[in-house]
């Protein structure tokens, strides 16, 4: 190949890269405008209501979630009461898997917009106290709940 053909190929490649750069910058601007629109929409929404489902305050809550865990040796009985939206059963099972808890019994009951889940688990690889288990479940359910809402 001679110098002229190499130079011609380099020029065409540079022009191709410039075209790609222009297209990517256009996509970037479009995405920025979409992000700004979503931020404005999010800011225009009313804030979520604080508080839980029941009238008593006997445990941690987030987005209407009540968690009650009882530890018996290497087993735990967990009761979660929450609103029925955003797939709470899947979120709870994901949280239990992340905590390395083996589920051997689970039940789900729904009354109107309220879901009550009861789960019996075995602690195999890690042992939790009642407070640790409540806090870990609460943080994971709140984290997954927030992620689902976004």
Protein backbone atom coordinates (compact mmCIF):
# COMPACT_ATOMS: atom_id res chain seq x y z
CA UNK A 1 0.00 0.00 0.00
CA UNK A 2 1.25 3.42 -0.82
CA UNK A 3 1.16 6.50 1.38
CA UNK A 4 -1.80 8.04 -0.44
CA UNK A 5 -4.06 5.03 0.13
CA UNK A 6 -3.02 4.82 3.80
CA UNK A 7 -3.74 8.51 4.22
CA UNK A 8 -7.10 8.12 2.47
CA UNK A 9 -8.03 5.20 4.75
CA UNK A 10 -7.00 7.19 7.82
CA UNK A 11 -9.09 10.18 6.72
CA UNK A 12 -12.16 8.03 6.09
CA UNK A 13 -11.70 6.33 9.48
CA UNK A 14 -11.39 9.70 11.23
CA UNK A 15 -14.56 10.90 9.48
CA UNK A 16 -16.35 7.72 10.54
CA UNK A 17 -15.26 8.28 14.15
CA UNK A 18 -16.44 11.91 13.98
CA UNK A 19 -19.86 10.69 12.80
CA UNK A 20 -20.05 8.22 15.68
CA UNK A 21 -18.99 10.95 18.12
CA UNK A 22 -21.72 13.25 16.85
CA UNK A 23 -24.33 10.49 17.19
CA UNK A 24 -23.17 9.66 20.73
CA UNK A 25 -23.22 13.31 21.78
CA UNK A 26 -26.76 13.59 20.44
CA UNK A 27 -27.76 10.47 22.42
CA UNK A 28 -26.10 11.94 25.50
CA UNK A 29 -28.08 15.17 25.21
CA UNK A 30 -31.31 13.19 24.76
CA UNK A 31 -30.56 11.14 27.88
CA UNK A 32 -29.74 14.28 29.89
CA UNK A 33 -33.05 15.85 28.89
CA UNK A 34 -34.89 12.64 29.86
CA UNK A 35 -33.11 12.60 33.23
CA UNK A 36 -34.06 16.22 33.86
CA UNK A 37 -37.69 15.49 32.95
CA UNK A 38 -37.74 12.50 35.33
CA UNK A 39 -36.20 14.57 38.13
CA UNK A 40 -38.86 17.24 37.67
CA UNK A 41 -41.58 14.57 37.67
CA UNK A 42 -40.14 12.99 40.82
CA UNK A 43 -39.90 16.35 42.59
CA UNK A 44 -43.51 17.15 41.63
CA UNK A 45 -44.82 13.98 43.32
CA UNK A 46 -45.98 14.22 46.94
CA UNK A 47 -43.61 12.64 49.45
CA UNK A 48 -44.49 9.14 50.70
CA UNK A 49 -46.48 9.02 53.90
CA UNK A 50 -44.52 8.15 56.99
CA UNK A 51 -45.58 5.56 59.51
CA UNK A 52 -46.63 1.97 59.43
CA UNK A 53 -49.82 0.02 59.07
CA UNK A 54 -50.90 -0.47 62.65
CA UNK A 55 -51.58 1.93 65.45
CA UNK A 56 -48.88 0.54 67.74
CA UNK A 57 -45.15 1.00 67.34
CA UNK A 58 -43.42 -2.20 68.39
CA UNK A 59 -40.69 -2.49 65.77
CA UNK A 60 -38.87 -0.89 62.89
CA UNK A 61 -40.91 0.18 59.87
CA UNK A 62 -40.32 1.45 56.38
CA UNK A 63 -42.93 2.12 53.74
CA UNK A 64 -45.60 0.39 55.83
CA UNK A 65 -43.48 -2.67 56.70
CA UNK A 66 -43.69 -4.38 60.10
CA UNK A 67 -41.16 -7.10 60.88
CA UNK A 68 -41.23 -9.44 63.86
CA UNK A 69 -38.56 -12.14 64.19
CA UNK A 70 -38.35 -14.70 66.99
CA UNK A 71 -35.21 -16.81 67.43
CA UNK A 72 -35.31 -20.36 68.83
CA UNK A 73 -31.83 -21.86 68.75
CA UNK A 74 -30.75 -22.13 65.12
CA UNK A 75 -34.27 -21.52 63.83
CA UNK A 76 -36.26 -18.33 63.45
CA UNK A 77 -39.91 -17.49 62.92
CA UNK A 78 -40.30 -14.30 60.88
CA UNK A 79 -43.54 -12.39 60.40
CA UNK A 80 -43.71 -9.54 57.88
CA UNK A 81 -46.78 -7.36 57.44
CA UNK A 82 -46.82 -4.86 54.59
CA UNK A 83 -48.78 -3.40 51.70
CA UNK A 84 -49.38 -5.76 48.79
CA UNK A 85 -47.64 -3.68 46.10
CA UNK A 86 -44.17 -4.11 44.59
CA UNK A 87 -43.99 -7.91 45.06
CA UNK A 88 -43.25 -8.11 48.81
CA UNK A 89 -43.00 -11.92 48.80
CA UNK A 90 -40.23 -11.84 46.21
CA UNK A 91 -38.45 -9.07 48.12
CA UNK A 92 -38.62 -11.07 51.36
CA UNK A 93 -37.32 -14.25 49.73
CA UNK A 94 -34.47 -12.29 48.13
CA UNK A 95 -33.58 -10.78 51.51
CA UNK A 96 -33.62 -14.22 53.17
CA UNK A 97 -31.37 -15.61 50.43
CA UNK A 98 -28.95 -12.67 50.86
CA UNK A 99 -28.82 -13.42 54.60
CA UNK A 100 -28.06 -17.13 53.93
CA UNK A 101 -31.20 -18.28 55.73
CA UNK A 102 -32.71 -21.63 54.69
CA UNK A 103 -36.50 -21.41 54.34
CA UNK A 104 -38.32 -24.59 55.33
CA UNK A 105 -41.84 -23.19 55.66
CA UNK A 106 -43.52 -20.06 54.32
CA UNK A 107 -47.09 -18.82 54.15
CA UNK A 108 -48.60 -15.73 52.57
CA UNK A 109 -52.01 -14.31 53.43
CA UNK A 110 -53.63 -11.32 51.76
CA UNK A 111 -56.48 -9.26 53.20
CA UNK A 112 -57.50 -6.34 50.97
CA UNK A 113 -54.26 -4.38 50.39
CA UNK A 114 -52.43 -5.97 53.33
CA UNK A 115 -50.04 -8.92 52.98
CA UNK A 116 -48.96 -11.02 55.94
CA UNK A 117 -46.02 -13.36 55.42
CA UNK A 118 -44.83 -15.94 57.93
CA UNK A 119 -41.57 -17.73 57.31
CA UNK A 120 -39.72 -20.39 59.28
CA UNK A 121 -35.99 -20.46 58.57
CA UNK A 122 -32.85 -22.26 59.71
CA UNK A 123 -29.63 -20.36 60.28
CA UNK A 124 -26.96 -22.56 58.77
CA UNK A 125 -23.89 -20.52 57.85
CA UNK A 126 -24.48 -17.46 60.04
CA UNK A 127 -26.18 -17.02 63.41
CA UNK A 128 -28.21 -13.86 64.07
CA UNK A 129 -29.64 -12.44 67.27
CA UNK A 130 -33.26 -11.29 67.21
CA UNK A 131 -32.20 -7.64 66.93
CA UNK A 132 -29.64 -8.37 64.19
CA UNK A 133 -32.18 -10.34 62.16
CA UNK A 134 -34.85 -7.64 62.50
CA UNK A 135 -32.37 -4.92 61.49
CA UNK A 136 -30.94 -6.91 58.58
CA UNK A 137 -34.38 -7.77 57.19
CA UNK A 138 -35.60 -4.23 57.68
CA UNK A 139 -32.64 -2.71 55.84
CA UNK A 140 -32.87 -5.18 52.96
CA UNK A 141 -36.63 -4.87 52.55
CA UNK A 142 -36.36 -1.08 52.65
CA UNK A 143 -33.49 -1.21 50.13
CA UNK A 144 -35.37 -3.51 47.74
CA UNK A 145 -38.56 -1.54 48.17
CA UNK A 146 -36.86 1.69 47.27
CA UNK A 147 -35.23 0.07 44.31
CA UNK A 148 -38.54 -1.22 43.03
CA UNK A 149 -40.19 2.17 43.32
CA UNK A 150 -37.50 3.96 41.28
